[in-house]
C-alpha atoms as a PDB file:
ATOM      1  CA  MET A   1      53.835  40.119  59.499  1.00  0.00           C
ATOM      2  CA  ARG A   2      54.385  39.666  56.006  1.00  0.00           C
ATOM      3  CA  GLN A   3      53.726  36.258  56.353  1.00  0.00           C
ATOM      4  CA  ARG A   4      50.396  36.836  58.289  1.00  0.00           C
ATOM      5  CA  VAL A   5      49.143  39.059  55.721  1.00  0.00           C
ATOM      6  CA  PHE A   6      50.037  36.241  52.886  1.00  0.00           C
ATOM      7  CA  GLU A   7      48.139  33.749  54.988  1.00  0.00           C
ATOM      8  CA  LEU A   8      45.071  36.066  55.198  1.00  0.00           C
ATOM      9  CA  ARG A   9      45.054  36.648  51.688  1.00  0.00           C
ATOM     10  CA  ASN A  10      45.201  33.079  50.956  1.00  0.00           C
ATOM     11  CA  ALA A  11      42.474  32.326  53.121  1.00  0.00           C
ATOM     12  CA  VAL A  12      40.428  35.166  51.561  1.00  0.00           C
ATOM     13  CA  LEU A  13      40.976  33.938  48.099  1.00  0.00           C
ATOM     14  CA  ARG A  14      40.162  30.205  49.079  1.00  0.00           C
ATOM     15  CA  GLN A  15      36.822  31.335  50.525  1.00  0.00           C
ATOM     16  CA  PHE A  16      36.031  33.305  47.491  1.00  0.00           C
ATOM     17  CA  ALA A  17      36.815  30.443  45.171  1.00  0.00           C
ATOM     18  CA  ALA A  18      34.763  27.986  47.317  1.00  0.00           C
ATOM     19  CA  THR A  19      31.973  30.508  47.145  1.00  0.00           C
ATOM     20  CA  LEU A  20      32.145  30.982  43.384  1.00  0.00           C
ATOM     21  CA  ALA A  21      32.186  27.162  42.861  1.00  0.00           C
ATOM     22  CA  VAL A  22      29.061  26.822  44.938  1.00  0.00           C
ATOM     23  CA  SER A  23      27.298  29.535  43.282  1.00  0.00           C
ATOM     24  CA  THR A  24      28.109  28.281  39.788  1.00  0.00           C
ATOM     25  CA  LEU A  25      26.682  24.896  40.782  1.00  0.00           C
ATOM     26  CA  VAL A  26      23.484  26.489  42.018  1.00  0.00           C
ATOM     27  CA  LEU A  27      23.096  28.457  38.973  1.00  0.00           C
ATOM     28  CA  LEU A  28      23.456  25.509  36.636  1.00  0.00           C
ATOM     29  CA  VAL A  29      20.997  23.400  38.621  1.00  0.00           C
ATOM     30  CA  GLY A  30      18.447  26.428  38.499  1.00  0.00           C
ATOM     31  CA  LEU A  31      19.150  26.674  34.604  1.00  0.00           C
ATOM     32  CA  GLY A  32      18.558  23.125  34.048  1.00  0.00           C
ATOM     33  CA  GLY A  33      15.107  23.226  36.003  1.00  0.00           C
ATOM     34  CA  ALA A  34      14.181  26.275  33.977  1.00  0.00           C
ATOM     35  CA  PHE A  35      14.946  24.808  30.664  1.00  0.00           C
ATOM     36  CA  ALA A  36      13.015  21.631  31.798  1.00  0.00           C
ATOM     37  CA  GLN A  37       9.865  23.724  32.684  1.00  0.00           C
ATOM     38  CA  SER A  38      10.156  25.723  29.669  1.00  0.00           C
ATOM     39  CA  GLY A  39       6.778  26.044  27.266  1.00  0.00           C
ATOM     40  CA  ALA A  40       8.846  24.324  24.338  1.00  0.00           C
ATOM     41  CA  PRO A  41       7.143  21.050  23.576  1.00  0.00           C
ATOM     42  CA  ALA A  42       9.350  18.154  24.222  1.00  0.00           C
ATOM     43  CA  PRO A  43       9.192  15.496  21.653  1.00  0.00           C
ATOM     44  CA  ASP A  44       7.299  13.033  24.070  1.00  0.00           C
ATOM     45  CA  GLN A  45       4.497  15.524  24.238  1.00  0.00           C
ATOM     46  CA  GLY A  46       4.092  15.316  20.568  1.00  0.00           C
ATOM     47  CA  LYS A  47       4.100  11.548  20.426  1.00  0.00           C
ATOM     48  CA  ALA A  48       1.737  11.457  23.515  1.00  0.00           C
ATOM     49  CA  ALA A  49      -0.943  13.607  21.271  1.00  0.00           C
ATOM     50  CA  ALA A  50      -0.484  11.410  18.276  1.00  0.00           C
ATOM     51  CA  GLN A  51      -0.533   8.244  20.525  1.00  0.00           C
ATOM     52  CA  PRO A  52      -4.650   7.752  20.555  1.00  0.00           C
ATOM     53  CA  ALA A  53      -4.984   8.133  16.718  1.00  0.00           C
ATOM     54  CA  ASP A  54      -2.385   5.486  16.381  1.00  0.00           C
ATOM     55  CA  ALA A  55      -3.959   3.282  19.031  1.00  0.00           C
ATOM     56  CA  ALA A  56      -7.257   3.550  17.150  1.00  0.00           C
ATOM     57  CA  LYS A  57      -5.537   2.825  13.965  1.00  0.00           C
ATOM     58  CA  ASP A  58      -3.738  -0.382  15.628  1.00  0.00           C
ATOM     59  CA  ALA A  59      -6.940  -1.463  16.996  1.00  0.00           C
ATOM     60  CA  ALA A  60      -8.669  -1.354  13.908  1.00  0.00           C
ATOM     61  CA  GLN A  61      -5.949  -3.126  11.995  1.00  0.00           C
ATOM     62  CA  ASN A  62      -5.905  -5.959  14.648  1.00  0.00           C
ATOM     63  CA  GLN A  63      -9.588  -6.382  14.298  1.00  0.00           C
ATOM     64  CA  ARG A  64      -9.403  -6.456  10.475  1.00  0.00           C
ATOM     65  CA  ARG A  65      -6.516  -9.244  10.908  1.00  0.00           C
ATOM     66  CA  THR A  66      -8.715 -11.288  13.417  1.00  0.00           C
ATOM     67  CA  ASP A  67     -11.759 -10.967  11.114  1.00  0.00           C
ATOM     68  CA  GLU A  68      -9.645 -12.226   7.991  1.00  0.00           C
ATOM     69  CA  PHE A  69      -8.097 -15.014  10.029  1.00  0.00           C
ATOM     70  CA  ALA A  70     -11.754 -16.006  11.162  1.00  0.00           C
ATOM     71  CA  GLU A  71     -12.858 -15.861   7.664  1.00  0.00           C
ATOM     72  CA  ALA A  72     -10.143 -17.988   6.319  1.00  0.00           C
ATOM     73  CA  ALA A  73     -10.785 -20.543   9.040  1.00  0.00           C
ATOM     74  CA  GLN A  74     -14.496 -20.754   7.904  1.00  0.00           C
ATOM     75  CA  VAL A  75     -13.831 -20.753   4.110  1.00  0.00           C
ATOM     76  CA  VAL A  76     -10.461 -22.869   3.623  1.00  0.00           C
ATOM     77  CA  ASN A  77     -10.689 -26.340   4.676  1.00  0.00           C
ATOM     78  CA  GLY A  78      -7.665 -28.171   6.175  1.00  0.00           C
ATOM     79  CA  PRO A  79      -4.539 -26.889   7.806  1.00  0.00           C
ATOM     80  CA  ALA A  80      -4.484 -23.979   5.190  1.00  0.00           C
ATOM     81  CA  GLY A  81      -7.059 -22.261   7.160  1.00  0.00           C
ATOM     82  CA  ASN A  82      -5.130 -22.244  10.432  1.00  0.00           C
ATOM     83  CA  PRO A  83      -4.229 -18.741  11.475  1.00  0.00           C
ATOM     84  CA  GLU A  84      -0.450 -19.502  11.462  1.00  0.00           C
ATOM     85  CA  CYS A  85      -0.610 -20.836   7.831  1.00  0.00           C
ATOM     86  CA  VAL A  86      -2.747 -18.088   6.761  1.00  0.00           C
ATOM     87  CA  TRP A  87      -0.390 -15.635   8.225  1.00  0.00           C
ATOM     88  CA  LEU A  88       2.792 -17.085   6.933  1.00  0.00           C
ATOM     89  CA  GLY A  89       1.176 -18.120   3.526  1.00  0.00           C
ATOM     90  CA  ARG A  90       0.061 -14.688   2.492  1.00  0.00           C
ATOM     91  CA  ARG A  91       3.347 -13.214   3.513  1.00  0.00           C
ATOM     92  CA  VAL A  92       5.003 -15.798   1.244  1.00  0.00           C
ATOM     93  CA  VAL A  93       2.770 -14.957  -1.696  1.00  0.00           C
ATOM     94  CA  ARG A  94       3.210 -11.283  -1.019  1.00  0.00           C
ATOM     95  CA  LEU A  95       6.923 -11.448  -0.984  1.00  0.00           C
ATOM     96  CA  MET A  96       7.237 -13.629  -4.184  1.00  0.00           C
ATOM     97  CA  TRP A  97       5.170 -11.050  -5.942  1.00  0.00           C
ATOM     98  CA  ARG A  98       7.484  -8.502  -4.946  1.00  0.00           C
ATOM     99  CA  ASP A  99      10.424 -10.554  -6.129  1.00  0.00           C
ATOM    100  CA  ASP A 100      11.992 -10.961  -2.619  1.00  0.00           C
ATOM    101  CA  LEU A 101      12.499 -14.703  -3.047  1.00  0.00           C
ATOM    102  CA  ASP A 102      15.367 -15.189  -0.560  1.00  0.00           C
ATOM    103  CA  THR A 103      13.060 -14.031   2.172  1.00  0.00           C
ATOM    104  CA  ALA A 104      10.062 -15.756   0.879  1.00  0.00           C
ATOM    105  CA  PHE A 105      11.980 -19.078   0.887  1.00  0.00           C
ATOM    106  CA  ARG A 106      12.763 -18.495   4.488  1.00  0.00           C
ATOM    107  CA  HIS A 107       9.167 -17.828   5.203  1.00  0.00           C
ATOM    108  CA  LEU A 108       8.375 -20.979   3.393  1.00  0.00           C
ATOM    109  CA  ASP A 109      10.583 -22.990   5.711  1.00  0.00           C
ATOM    110  CA  LEU A 110       8.613 -21.820   8.560  1.00  0.00           C
ATOM    111  CA  TYR A 111       5.433 -22.587   6.532  1.00  0.00           C
ATOM    112  CA  ASP A 112       6.548 -25.972   5.927  1.00  0.00           C
ATOM    113  CA  ARG A 113       7.461 -26.510   9.714  1.00  0.00           C
ATOM    114  CA  PHE A 114       4.067 -25.692  10.878  1.00  0.00           C
ATOM    115  CA  GLY A 115       2.682 -28.460   8.683  1.00  0.00           C
ATOM    116  CA  CYS A 116       0.705 -26.163   6.166  1.00  0.00           C
ATOM    117  CA  PRO A 117       0.221 -27.327   2.695  1.00  0.00           C
ATOM    118  CA  GLY A 118       2.467 -26.005  -0.020  1.00  0.00           C
ATOM    119  CA  GLY A 119       0.145 -26.595  -2.616  1.00  0.00           C
ATOM    120  CA  HIS A 120      -2.179 -23.725  -1.452  1.00  0.00           C
ATOM    121  CA  ILE A 121       0.618 -21.173  -1.779  1.00  0.00           C
ATOM    122  CA  GLN A 122       1.157 -22.288  -5.506  1.00  0.00           C
ATOM    123  CA  ALA A 123      -2.593 -21.823  -5.981  1.00  0.00           C
ATOM    124  CA  ALA A 124      -2.910 -18.584  -4.378  1.00  0.00           C
ATOM    125  CA  PHE A 125       0.204 -17.235  -6.402  1.00  0.00           C
ATOM    126  CA  ARG A 126      -1.297 -18.646  -9.478  1.00  0.00           C
ATOM    127  CA  CYS A 127      -4.501 -16.903  -8.814  1.00  0.00           C
ATOM    128  CA  LEU A 128      -2.608 -13.476  -8.003  1.00  0.00           C
ATOM    129  CA  THR A 129      -0.708 -13.656 -11.280  1.00  0.00           C
ATOM    130  CA  ARG A 130      -4.235 -13.518 -12.901  1.00  0.00           C
ATOM    131  CA  PHE A 131      -4.997 -10.112 -11.390  1.00  0.00           C
ATOM    132  CA  GLY A 132      -1.578  -8.661 -12.100  1.00  0.00           C
ATOM    133  CA  GLY A 133      -3.051  -5.678 -14.187  1.00  0.00           C
ATOM    134  CA  GLN A 134      -5.420  -4.759 -11.289  1.00  0.00           C
ATOM    135  CA  ILE A 135      -2.815  -4.675  -8.594  1.00  0.00           C
ATOM    136  CA  ASP A 136      -1.484  -0.961  -8.104  1.00  0.00           C
ATOM    137  CA  PRO A 137       2.248  -1.198  -6.823  1.00  0.00           C
ATOM    138  CA  LYS A 138       1.929   2.261  -5.198  1.00  0.00           C
ATOM    139  CA  VAL A 139      -0.922   1.302  -2.874  1.00  0.00           C
ATOM    140  CA  ALA A 140      -0.204  -1.716  -0.718  1.00  0.00           C
ATOM    141  CA  GLU A 141      -3.624  -2.170   0.311  1.00  0.00           C
ATOM    142  CA  THR A 142      -4.679  -3.553  -3.274  1.00  0.00           C
ATOM    143  CA  LEU A 143      -1.757  -6.194  -3.216  1.00  0.00           C
ATOM    144  CA  ASP A 144      -2.796  -7.245   0.533  1.00  0.00           C
ATOM    145  CA  SER A 145      -6.670  -7.527  -0.256  1.00  0.00           C
ATOM    146  CA  ARG A 146      -5.751  -9.344  -3.409  1.00  0.00           C
ATOM    147  CA  VAL A 147      -3.672 -11.758  -1.768  1.00  0.00           C
ATOM    148  CA  HIS A 148      -6.223 -12.258   0.907  1.00  0.00           C
ATOM    149  CA  ALA A 149      -8.823 -12.832  -1.638  1.00  0.00           C
ATOM    150  CA  CYS A 150      -6.642 -15.271  -3.604  1.00  0.00           C
ATOM    151  CA  TRP A 151      -5.908 -17.067  -0.174  1.00  0.00           C
ATOM    152  CA  ILE A 152      -9.401 -17.597   0.401  1.00  0.00           C
ATOM    153  CA  ASN A 153     -10.418 -18.637  -3.162  1.00  0.00           C
ATOM    154  CA  PRO A 154      -7.439 -19.629  -5.227  1.00  0.00           C
ATOM    155  CA  ALA A 155      -9.743 -20.423  -8.121  1.00  0.00           C
ATOM    156  CA  SER A 156     -11.266 -17.010  -8.525  1.00  0.00           C
ATOM    157  CA  GLN A 157     -10.924 -15.195 -11.920  1.00  0.00           C
ATOM    158  CA  PRO A 158     -10.546 -11.499 -12.728  1.00  0.00           C
ATOM    159  CA  GLN A 159     -13.983  -9.822 -13.438  1.00  0.00           C
ATOM    160  CA  GLN A 160     -13.158  -8.408 -16.963  1.00  0.00           C
ATOM    161  CA  ALA A 161     -11.366 -11.797 -18.167  1.00  0.00           C
ATOM    162  CA  ALA A 162     -14.312 -13.770 -16.809  1.00  0.00           C
ATOM    163  CA  ALA A 163     -16.804 -11.647 -18.498  1.00  0.00           C
ATOM    164  CA  THR A 164     -14.814 -11.619 -22.114  1.00  0.00           C
ATOM    165  CA  ALA A 165     -14.296 -15.248 -21.781  1.00  0.00           C
ATOM    166  CA  SER A 166     -18.054 -16.071 -21.136  1.00  0.00           C
ATOM    167  CA  GLN A 167     -19.133 -14.000 -24.378  1.00  0.00           C
ATOM    168  CA  PRO A 168     -16.801 -15.924 -26.756  1.00  0.00           C
ATOM    169  CA  ALA A 169     -17.819 -19.202 -24.980  1.00  0.00           C
ATOM    170  CA  ALA A 170     -21.631 -18.211 -25.599  1.00  0.00           C
ATOM    171  CA  ALA A 171     -21.023 -17.179 -29.257  1.00  0.00           C
ATOM    172  CA  THR A 172     -19.129 -20.471 -30.103  1.00  0.00           C
ATOM    173  CA  ALA A 173     -21.610 -22.652 -28.563  1.00  0.00           C
ATOM    174  CA  ALA A 174     -24.372 -20.700 -30.361  1.00  0.00           C
ATOM    175  CA  ASN A 175     -22.403 -21.215 -33.665  1.00  0.00           C
ATOM    176  CA  SER A 176     -21.656 -24.916 -33.046  1.00  0.00           C
ATOM    177  CA  GLN A 177     -25.197 -25.883 -32.780  1.00  0.00           C
ATOM    178  CA  PRO A 178     -26.805 -27.107 -36.182  1.00  0.00           C
ATOM    179  CA  PRO A 179     -29.380 -24.763 -37.392  1.00  0.00           C
ATOM    180  CA  GLN A 180     -32.954 -25.406 -36.317  1.00  0.00           C
ATOM    181  CA  PRO A 181     -35.748 -25.175 -38.912  1.00  0.00           C
ATOM    182  CA  ALA A 182     -38.353 -22.332 -38.282  1.00  0.00           C
ATOM    183  CA  ALA A 183     -41.050 -23.698 -36.404  1.00  0.00           C
ATOM    184  CA  SER A 184     -44.294 -23.762 -38.546  1.00  0.00           C
ATOM    185  CA  PRO A 185     -47.264 -21.830 -37.140  1.00  0.00           C
ATOM    186  CA  SER A 186     -49.682 -24.122 -35.339  1.00  0.00           C
ATOM    187  CA  PRO A 187     -52.995 -24.355 -37.188  1.00  0.00           C
ATOM    188  CA  ALA A 188     -55.745 -22.354 -35.655  1.00  0.00           C
ATOM    189  CA  ALA A 189     -58.421 -24.432 -33.757  1.00  0.00           C
ATOM    190  CA  SER A 190     -61.546 -24.516 -35.893  1.00  0.00           C
ATOM    191  CA  PRO A 191     -64.853 -24.407 -34.536  1.00  0.00           C
ATOM    192  CA  SER A 192     -66.518 -27.586 -34.183  1.00  0.00           C
ATOM    193  CA  PRO A 193     -69.937 -27.675 -35.990  1.00  0.00           C
ATOM    194  CA  ALA A 194     -72.917 -27.436 -33.787  1.00  0.00           C
ATOM    195  CA  PRO A 195     -74.929 -30.590 -33.208  1.00  0.00           C
ATOM    196  CA  SER A 196     -78.178 -30.802 -35.464  1.00  0.00           C
ATOM    197  CA  LYS A 197     -81.532 -30.855 -33.729  1.00  0.00           C
END
């Protein structure tokens, strides 16, 4: 009889352990679903709200780039106006300005492989050094816009330097001419005598 009691007790304990395991599993699955449906915003929901603003910003930036490439193709003659040459060349000039010469040389190798003219990079960088005082290192857009302007027209001069250079040149030109004598006043026309009758 004792053996039967032990068997019954073991059967009850086994049944209780199985019931406890199943109920624990159901409870964990239910809690996981409750956490997933809670009101706390998931990181993806915050990104989804910011996504339209980022998409509009990206679209505007892509349009600006396309316009810059089209402008370069119209203004710059030869292969320096090709989009790949414009993109790589401006990037090389920007990297050289920031003293990242290793990366600039790697980009320059790609620039050469596309058959782009190396002299245009030299001219654009020379132009950029003329505008050094006007570039704000904290605002990336000033550097980018100046690099693009120098790529389009490597012979451009800074406004202040061009204005001060033209003033002394005009003063020097005025000083180098020999002084002209003052013009004498032209005689007034005298009335002609009336014919006699």
